Protein backbone atom coordinates (compact mmCIF):
# COMPACT_ATOMS: atom_id res chain seq x y z
CA MET A 1 118.87 103.95 84.80
CA TRP A 2 121.73 103.04 82.72
CA LEU A 3 120.08 104.99 79.65
CA LEU A 4 119.46 108.33 81.73
CA LEU A 5 123.12 108.23 83.24
CA PHE A 6 124.68 107.76 79.65
CA VAL A 7 122.45 110.54 78.39
CA LEU A 8 123.51 112.68 81.56
CA TRP A 9 127.07 111.86 80.74
CA MET A 10 126.79 113.06 76.75
CA ILE A 11 124.88 116.32 77.86
CA LEU A 12 127.51 117.30 80.62
CA ASN A 13 130.23 116.86 78.16
CA GLY A 14 128.49 118.91 75.47
CA ARG A 15 130.08 117.06 72.50
CA ILE A 16 129.80 113.86 70.94
CA THR A 17 133.15 111.93 70.09
CA LEU A 18 133.79 108.32 69.94
CA GLU A 19 136.01 108.41 72.87
CA LEU A 20 133.18 110.27 74.91
CA ILE A 21 130.61 107.64 73.88
CA ILE A 22 133.20 104.81 75.11
CA PHE A 23 133.58 106.33 78.42
CA GLY A 24 130.05 107.00 78.78
CA VAL A 25 129.06 103.27 78.35
CA LEU A 26 131.80 102.21 80.74
CA ILE A 27 131.06 104.72 83.48
CA ALA A 28 127.29 104.39 83.36
CA SER A 29 127.76 100.64 83.16
CA GLY A 30 130.03 100.86 86.19
CA VAL A 31 127.74 103.10 88.01
CA CYS A 32 124.70 100.87 87.40
CA PHE A 33 126.69 97.71 88.58
CA GLY A 34 128.09 99.29 91.80
CA VAL A 35 124.74 100.96 92.63
CA GLY A 36 122.92 97.37 91.90
CA ARG A 37 125.62 95.67 94.25
CA MET A 38 125.18 98.26 97.43
CA VAL A 39 121.36 99.19 97.38
CA GLY A 40 119.92 96.04 95.43
CA TYR A 41 118.87 98.25 92.52
CA SER A 42 118.25 95.85 89.45
CA LEU A 43 116.69 95.95 85.96
CA LYS A 44 113.28 94.88 87.91
CA THR A 45 113.36 98.23 89.58
CA ASP A 46 113.65 99.95 86.02
CA LEU A 47 110.84 98.10 84.95
CA TRP A 48 108.45 98.91 87.85
CA VAL A 49 109.33 102.66 87.33
CA MET A 50 108.66 102.51 83.69
CA ARG A 51 105.12 100.52 84.34
CA SER A 52 104.49 102.98 87.04
CA LEU A 53 105.48 106.32 85.52
CA PRO A 54 101.96 107.05 84.10
CA ILE A 55 100.71 107.09 87.97
CA LEU A 56 103.88 108.72 89.03
CA LEU A 57 103.42 111.58 86.79
CA ILE A 58 100.03 112.41 88.38
CA TYR A 59 101.05 111.37 92.08
CA ILE A 60 104.42 113.98 92.18
CA PRO A 61 102.38 116.95 91.37
CA ASP A 62 99.49 115.62 93.61
CA LEU A 63 102.28 115.63 96.34
CA ILE A 64 103.63 118.97 95.49
CA PHE A 65 100.37 120.47 95.87
CA GLU A 66 99.60 119.14 99.10
CA ILE A 67 103.03 120.00 100.57
CA ILE A 68 102.24 123.71 99.63
CA ARG A 69 98.47 123.41 100.65
CA SER A 70 99.75 122.02 104.08
CA ALA A 71 102.52 124.45 104.42
CA LEU A 72 99.96 127.33 104.01
CA ILE A 73 97.67 125.73 106.49
CA VAL A 74 100.38 125.30 109.04
CA MET A 75 101.73 128.76 108.69
CA LYS A 76 98.37 130.36 109.05
CA MET A 77 98.12 128.34 112.44
CA VAL A 78 101.53 129.76 113.51
CA PHE A 79 100.80 133.25 112.55
CA ARG A 80 97.44 133.12 114.38
CA ALA A 81 99.34 131.63 117.33
CA ASP A 82 96.44 128.80 117.58
CA GLU A 83 97.19 126.21 120.05
CA PRO A 84 98.15 122.74 118.20
CA ASP A 85 96.17 119.70 119.28
CA PRO A 86 98.50 116.89 118.45
CA VAL A 87 97.13 113.38 117.93
CA ILE A 88 98.62 110.01 117.06
CA ILE A 89 96.39 108.23 114.58
CA GLU A 90 96.64 104.58 113.43
CA PHE A 91 95.49 103.21 110.49
CA HIS A 92 95.98 100.44 107.55
CA SER A 93 96.13 101.69 104.03
CA GLY A 94 95.43 98.66 102.13
CA LEU A 95 98.11 98.88 100.08
CA ARG A 96 99.71 95.49 98.93
CA THR A 97 103.51 96.13 98.22
CA GLN A 98 106.41 97.34 100.28
CA MET A 99 107.20 100.10 97.77
CA GLN A 100 103.65 101.48 97.83
CA ASN A 101 103.79 101.61 101.58
CA VAL A 102 107.12 103.45 101.63
CA LEU A 103 106.07 106.09 99.27
CA LEU A 104 102.76 106.74 101.40
CA ALA A 105 104.99 106.99 104.53
CA ASN A 106 107.51 109.19 102.97
CA SER A 107 104.61 111.38 101.51
CA ILE A 108 103.04 111.63 105.21
CA THR A 109 106.11 112.63 106.25
CA LEU A 110 107.02 115.28 103.74
CA THR A 111 103.40 117.03 104.07
CA PRO A 112 103.72 119.75 107.05
CA GLY A 113 101.86 118.96 109.93
CA THR A 114 102.22 115.12 109.55
CA ILE A 115 104.84 112.65 110.34
CA THR A 116 105.05 109.12 109.88
CA VAL A 117 106.19 107.68 113.35
CA PHE A 118 105.83 103.71 112.49
CA GLN A 119 105.18 101.51 109.41
CA GLN A 120 105.20 98.18 108.92
CA GLY A 121 103.38 96.40 106.02
CA ASP A 122 100.32 98.57 105.46
CA HIS A 123 99.66 99.49 109.22
CA PHE A 124 100.83 103.32 109.97
CA VAL A 125 101.16 105.50 112.95
CA VAL A 126 101.05 108.81 112.29
CA HIS A 127 101.47 112.05 114.33
CA CYS A 128 99.47 114.99 113.22
CA LEU A 129 99.93 118.46 114.67
CA ARG A 130 96.24 118.98 114.61
CA ARG A 131 93.57 116.32 114.93
CA GLU A 132 91.86 117.46 111.62
CA TYR A 133 94.89 116.93 109.49
CA GLY A 134 94.57 113.23 110.21
CA ASP A 135 90.81 113.04 109.02
CA GLY A 136 90.33 110.74 106.14
CA ILE A 137 94.39 110.17 105.62
CA GLU A 138 93.56 106.57 104.95
CA SER A 139 91.37 107.53 102.11
CA SER A 140 93.53 110.38 100.94
CA SER A 141 94.50 111.21 97.28
CA PHE A 142 97.77 109.80 98.21
CA VAL A 143 96.55 106.27 98.79
CA ARG A 144 94.18 106.16 95.95
CA LEU A 145 96.82 107.01 93.54
CA LEU A 146 99.08 104.33 94.87
CA ARG A 147 96.66 101.77 94.66
CA HIS A 148 96.88 102.01 90.90
CA ILE A 149 100.87 101.23 90.81
CA ASN A 150 101.49 97.71 90.59
């Protein structure tokens, strides 16, 4: 995070001088320290992101694809004036860490037609606009990819 903040500082300034480098180091350090104190962000989080980067580079395009695909399906339902068949489903993801489960919960909520109502550990309660939107959610591409993140 520190390196990204420092590089962003240098890019936004548009030139490289000793003064800007010193201020960049101080500002990036201050922001990292402040964020660490406020939200518990640490070097451990940076290391986790770096280790998980290959999977995240696959996960993010998959998430975008699923959002677009689901949006088109929901739009088609709306334009055809199909009646929704809402259902609430419960499942266990089998994911080990809180970070994996939170990523899954947020991904489900970002996908049109589904909302994570409750998540505790690997237990999920999801509201689906139609019954078929929840079919196979516990073995979705999101879950398969998140299992590879340590």
